Protein backbone atom coordinates (compact mmCIF):
# COMPACT_ATOMS: atom_id res chain seq x y z
CA UNK A 1 41.63 250.01 223.83
CA UNK A 2 42.53 252.12 220.81
CA UNK A 3 45.58 250.89 219.00
CA UNK A 4 48.25 253.32 217.81
CA UNK A 5 47.70 252.21 214.23
CA UNK A 6 44.41 250.78 213.06
CA UNK A 7 43.76 248.81 209.87
CA UNK A 8 41.06 250.35 207.74
CA UNK A 9 39.62 249.42 204.37
CA UNK A 10 39.50 252.68 202.44
CA UNK A 11 37.20 251.48 199.64
CA UNK A 12 35.61 248.25 198.45
CA UNK A 13 38.31 245.92 197.19
CA UNK A 14 37.19 245.10 193.67
CA UNK A 15 39.05 243.60 190.76
CA UNK A 16 40.21 246.35 188.44
CA UNK A 17 41.00 245.65 184.81
CA UNK A 18 44.67 246.07 184.02
CA UNK A 19 45.22 249.41 182.30
CA UNK A 20 48.09 250.52 180.13
CA UNK A 21 49.67 252.41 183.04
CA UNK A 22 49.57 249.32 185.21
CA UNK A 23 51.22 247.24 182.49
CA UNK A 24 53.90 249.87 181.91
CA UNK A 25 54.60 250.11 185.64
CA UNK A 26 54.76 246.32 186.03
CA UNK A 27 57.12 246.01 183.04
CA UNK A 28 59.34 248.79 184.39
CA UNK A 29 59.60 247.13 187.80
CA UNK A 30 60.42 243.74 186.27
CA UNK A 31 63.04 245.10 183.86
CA UNK A 32 64.76 247.23 186.50
CA UNK A 33 64.81 244.24 188.89
CA UNK A 34 66.40 242.06 186.21
CA UNK A 35 68.93 244.79 185.37
CA UNK A 36 70.00 245.23 189.00
CA UNK A 37 70.33 241.47 189.51
CA UNK A 38 72.51 241.20 186.39
CA UNK A 39 74.59 244.25 187.30
CA UNK A 40 74.93 243.92 191.07
CA UNK A 41 74.36 240.27 192.02
CA UNK A 42 75.80 238.15 189.20
CA UNK A 43 79.39 239.52 189.52
CA UNK A 44 79.68 238.00 193.01
CA UNK A 45 79.48 234.54 191.44
CA UNK A 46 82.08 235.17 188.74
CA UNK A 47 85.13 235.58 191.01
CA UNK A 48 86.22 235.38 194.64
CA UNK A 49 85.59 238.23 197.06
CA UNK A 50 89.33 238.90 197.17
CA UNK A 51 89.51 239.27 193.39
CA UNK A 52 86.38 241.41 193.32
CA UNK A 53 87.80 243.58 196.11
CA UNK A 54 90.89 244.16 194.00
CA UNK A 55 88.64 245.46 191.24
CA UNK A 56 86.63 247.51 193.78
CA UNK A 57 83.37 245.74 192.90
CA UNK A 58 80.35 246.56 195.05
CA UNK A 59 80.67 245.53 198.70
CA UNK A 60 83.57 243.15 198.06
CA UNK A 61 86.21 245.51 199.54
CA UNK A 62 84.19 245.68 202.79
CA UNK A 63 83.50 241.95 203.17
CA UNK A 64 86.63 240.38 201.66
CA UNK A 65 88.43 240.42 205.03
CA UNK A 66 85.56 239.63 207.42
CA UNK A 67 84.84 236.29 209.10
CA UNK A 68 83.85 233.50 206.66
CA UNK A 69 80.47 233.21 208.42
CA UNK A 70 79.69 236.84 207.57
CA UNK A 71 80.93 236.28 204.02
CA UNK A 72 78.56 233.32 203.75
CA UNK A 73 75.72 235.51 205.03
CA UNK A 74 76.57 238.06 202.34
CA UNK A 75 76.13 235.42 199.63
CA UNK A 76 72.91 234.21 201.26
CA UNK A 77 71.62 237.78 201.26
CA UNK A 78 72.58 238.27 197.62
CA UNK A 79 70.90 235.04 196.49
CA UNK A 80 67.75 235.66 198.52
CA UNK A 81 67.48 239.27 197.39
CA UNK A 82 68.09 238.42 193.73
CA UNK A 83 65.49 235.66 193.66
CA UNK A 84 62.95 237.83 195.50
CA UNK A 85 63.54 240.80 193.16
CA UNK A 86 62.84 238.69 190.06
CA UNK A 87 60.06 236.49 191.48
CA UNK A 88 58.16 239.35 193.12
CA UNK A 89 56.79 241.01 189.96
CA UNK A 90 55.44 237.65 188.78
CA UNK A 91 53.21 237.61 191.87
CA UNK A 92 51.55 240.81 190.70
CA UNK A 93 50.90 239.47 187.20
CA UNK A 94 47.11 239.23 187.04
CA UNK A 95 47.13 236.80 184.11
CA UNK A 96 49.29 234.32 186.02
CA UNK A 97 47.04 234.52 189.09
CA UNK A 98 43.87 233.87 187.11
CA UNK A 99 45.10 231.37 184.51
CA UNK A 100 47.64 229.41 186.55
CA UNK A 101 46.87 229.80 190.27
CA UNK A 102 49.00 226.79 191.19
CA UNK A 103 52.04 228.36 189.52
CA UNK A 104 51.25 231.62 191.31
CA UNK A 105 51.20 229.82 194.66
CA UNK A 106 54.50 228.03 194.02
CA UNK A 107 56.24 231.20 192.91
CA UNK A 108 54.85 232.84 196.04
CA UNK A 109 56.40 230.14 198.21
CA UNK A 110 59.75 230.56 196.46
CA UNK A 111 59.49 234.32 196.88
CA UNK A 112 58.76 234.19 200.61
CA UNK A 113 61.56 231.67 201.25
CA UNK A 114 63.94 233.95 199.32
CA UNK A 115 62.78 236.91 201.42
CA UNK A 116 63.35 234.96 204.63
CA UNK A 117 66.90 233.88 203.80
CA UNK A 118 67.75 237.26 202.30
CA UNK A 119 66.52 239.05 205.42
CA UNK A 120 68.42 236.76 207.79
CA UNK A 121 71.56 237.27 205.72
CA UNK A 122 70.95 241.02 205.79
CA UNK A 123 70.66 241.02 209.58
CA UNK A 124 73.98 239.22 209.90
CA UNK A 125 75.90 241.54 207.56
CA UNK A 126 74.28 244.80 208.77
CA UNK A 127 76.79 245.34 211.63
CA UNK A 128 79.62 245.27 209.06
CA UNK A 129 78.00 247.89 206.81
CA UNK A 130 80.41 250.55 205.53
CA UNK A 131 77.79 253.12 206.62
CA UNK A 132 78.53 252.36 210.28
CA UNK A 133 75.70 252.77 212.80
CA UNK A 134 73.45 254.30 210.14
CA UNK A 135 73.91 251.17 208.05
CA UNK A 136 73.38 248.93 211.06
CA UNK A 137 70.07 250.53 212.02
CA UNK A 138 68.88 251.35 208.50
CA UNK A 139 69.62 248.01 206.88
CA UNK A 140 68.82 246.16 210.12
CA UNK A 141 65.36 247.75 210.28
CA UNK A 142 64.87 246.93 206.61
CA UNK A 143 65.68 243.25 207.24
CA UNK A 144 63.31 243.06 210.22
CA UNK A 145 60.45 244.69 208.31
CA UNK A 146 61.18 242.49 205.31
CA UNK A 147 60.70 239.42 207.49
CA UNK A 148 57.66 240.82 209.31
CA UNK A 149 55.73 241.88 206.20
CA UNK A 150 56.49 238.56 204.51
CA UNK A 151 55.19 236.69 207.55
CA UNK A 152 52.04 238.81 207.64
CA UNK A 153 51.45 238.15 203.93
CA UNK A 154 51.83 234.40 204.53
CA UNK A 155 49.52 234.40 207.56
CA UNK A 156 46.88 236.39 205.67
CA UNK A 157 46.73 233.94 202.76
CA UNK A 158 46.63 231.00 205.17
CA UNK A 159 43.46 232.60 206.60
CA UNK A 160 42.17 233.01 203.02
CA UNK A 161 42.19 236.78 203.57
CA UNK A 162 43.14 237.69 200.00
CA UNK A 163 42.84 241.53 200.31
CA UNK A 164 45.14 241.60 203.36
CA UNK A 165 47.53 239.20 201.63
CA UNK A 166 47.70 241.51 198.63
CA UNK A 167 48.31 244.55 200.84
CA UNK A 168 51.13 242.87 202.76
CA UNK A 169 52.71 241.58 199.56
CA UNK A 170 52.75 245.12 198.15
CA UNK A 171 54.47 246.35 201.30
CA UNK A 172 56.89 243.44 201.23
CA UNK A 173 57.90 243.92 197.61
CA UNK A 174 58.32 247.65 198.25
CA UNK A 175 61.01 246.61 200.74
CA UNK A 176 62.47 244.08 198.30
CA UNK A 177 62.67 246.82 195.68
CA UNK A 178 65.02 248.73 197.97
CA UNK A 179 67.75 246.74 196.20
CA UNK A 180 66.92 248.71 193.07
CA UNK A 181 66.32 252.07 194.73
CA UNK A 182 69.64 251.92 196.57
CA UNK A 183 71.36 251.84 193.17
CA UNK A 184 69.17 254.71 191.99
CA UNK A 185 69.65 256.99 194.98
CA UNK A 186 73.40 256.43 195.28
CA UNK A 187 74.46 258.08 191.97
CA UNK A 188 71.88 260.84 192.47
CA UNK A 189 73.30 261.67 195.88
CA UNK A 190 76.83 261.42 194.52
CA UNK A 191 76.04 264.19 192.04
CA UNK A 192 74.10 266.31 194.55
CA UNK A 193 77.10 268.51 195.54
CA UNK A 194 77.58 269.50 191.89
CA UNK A 195 73.92 270.47 191.60
CA UNK A 196 74.26 272.76 194.63
CA UNK A 197 77.57 274.20 193.44
CA UNK A 198 79.61 272.63 196.22
CA UNK A 199 83.16 271.28 195.85
CA UNK A 200 83.14 267.63 194.78
CA UNK A 201 85.52 264.86 195.75
CA UNK A 202 84.57 261.23 195.14
CA UNK A 203 85.48 259.67 198.49
CA UNK A 204 83.70 262.26 200.62
CA UNK A 205 80.72 262.42 198.24
CA UNK A 206 80.38 258.63 198.30
CA UNK A 207 80.63 258.51 202.10
CA UNK A 208 77.91 261.14 202.46
CA UNK A 209 75.69 259.41 199.90
CA UNK A 210 76.11 255.97 201.46
CA UNK A 211 75.28 257.40 204.88
CA UNK A 212 71.80 258.33 203.57
CA UNK A 213 70.80 255.29 201.52
CA UNK A 214 70.34 252.79 204.40
CA UNK A 215 67.02 254.53 205.15
CA UNK A 216 66.36 256.38 201.89
CA UNK A 217 66.33 253.18 199.82
CA UNK A 218 63.20 251.82 201.55
CA UNK A 219 61.28 254.46 203.52
CA UNK A 220 59.89 256.26 200.43
CA UNK A 221 59.02 252.84 198.97
CA UNK A 222 56.78 252.08 201.94
CA UNK A 223 55.06 255.45 201.67
CA UNK A 224 54.34 254.81 197.99
CA UNK A 225 53.20 251.26 198.78
CA UNK A 226 50.70 252.51 201.37
CA UNK A 227 49.35 255.06 198.88
CA UNK A 228 48.95 252.29 196.29
CA UNK A 229 47.23 250.03 198.82
CA UNK A 230 44.73 252.74 199.75
CA UNK A 231 44.14 253.58 196.09
CA UNK A 232 43.25 249.95 195.42
CA UNK A 233 40.89 249.81 198.39
CA UNK A 234 42.95 247.20 200.22
CA UNK A 235 43.28 247.12 204.04
CA UNK A 236 45.54 250.04 204.92
CA UNK A 237 46.59 251.76 208.15
CA UNK A 238 45.79 255.11 209.67
CA UNK A 239 46.48 256.88 212.93
CA UNK A 240 43.33 257.00 215.12
CA UNK A 241 41.57 260.33 215.38
């Protein structure tokens, strides 16, 4: 029976020497991940949600009055996402993989555990998203795919299927990187009415922007990840002809 989506290896998976573009891209991803963790995650551990809500910091106004269980899930999501954002780029560091494979494996375990707890926390807080149903389905789908791709990456390496493991890790970190892209898309969408010559008012512009980012922060990432996977000759997916 033909499956809807079939895995296909697009080219022989061979080790490619790291070029200057690869190093620049890796450095950019690492630095932006560190910047977002410092800017968006660290403040939640400097004051209470109530105090942060008074200063209108991040999601604090939304979650300051919810059930303590949901507040706890928010912190779990923040910790898991922050650890995964920072640990993920280290998994793609070729020098670490070749010179210190044991360290690579341990960081990988930490990364996947962080993804798991971050995704579970994300599923719990998704129904309380200020984006309403769009946030529920957008961030909820992100959390489910985050878990699924992490599990597939783990299963692949347990089978010693390194190419598939690499492909699933690329997809998984593309979802992890949504934490960065959300903060990139949001100000761009906020300014969009000015670009198109439309009247601008912060509250309505923010509401419209935040209604788009629950899907926009991760769907383009997956498209780019699949292109990168195919470019590297790793097992990719195609619709059957």
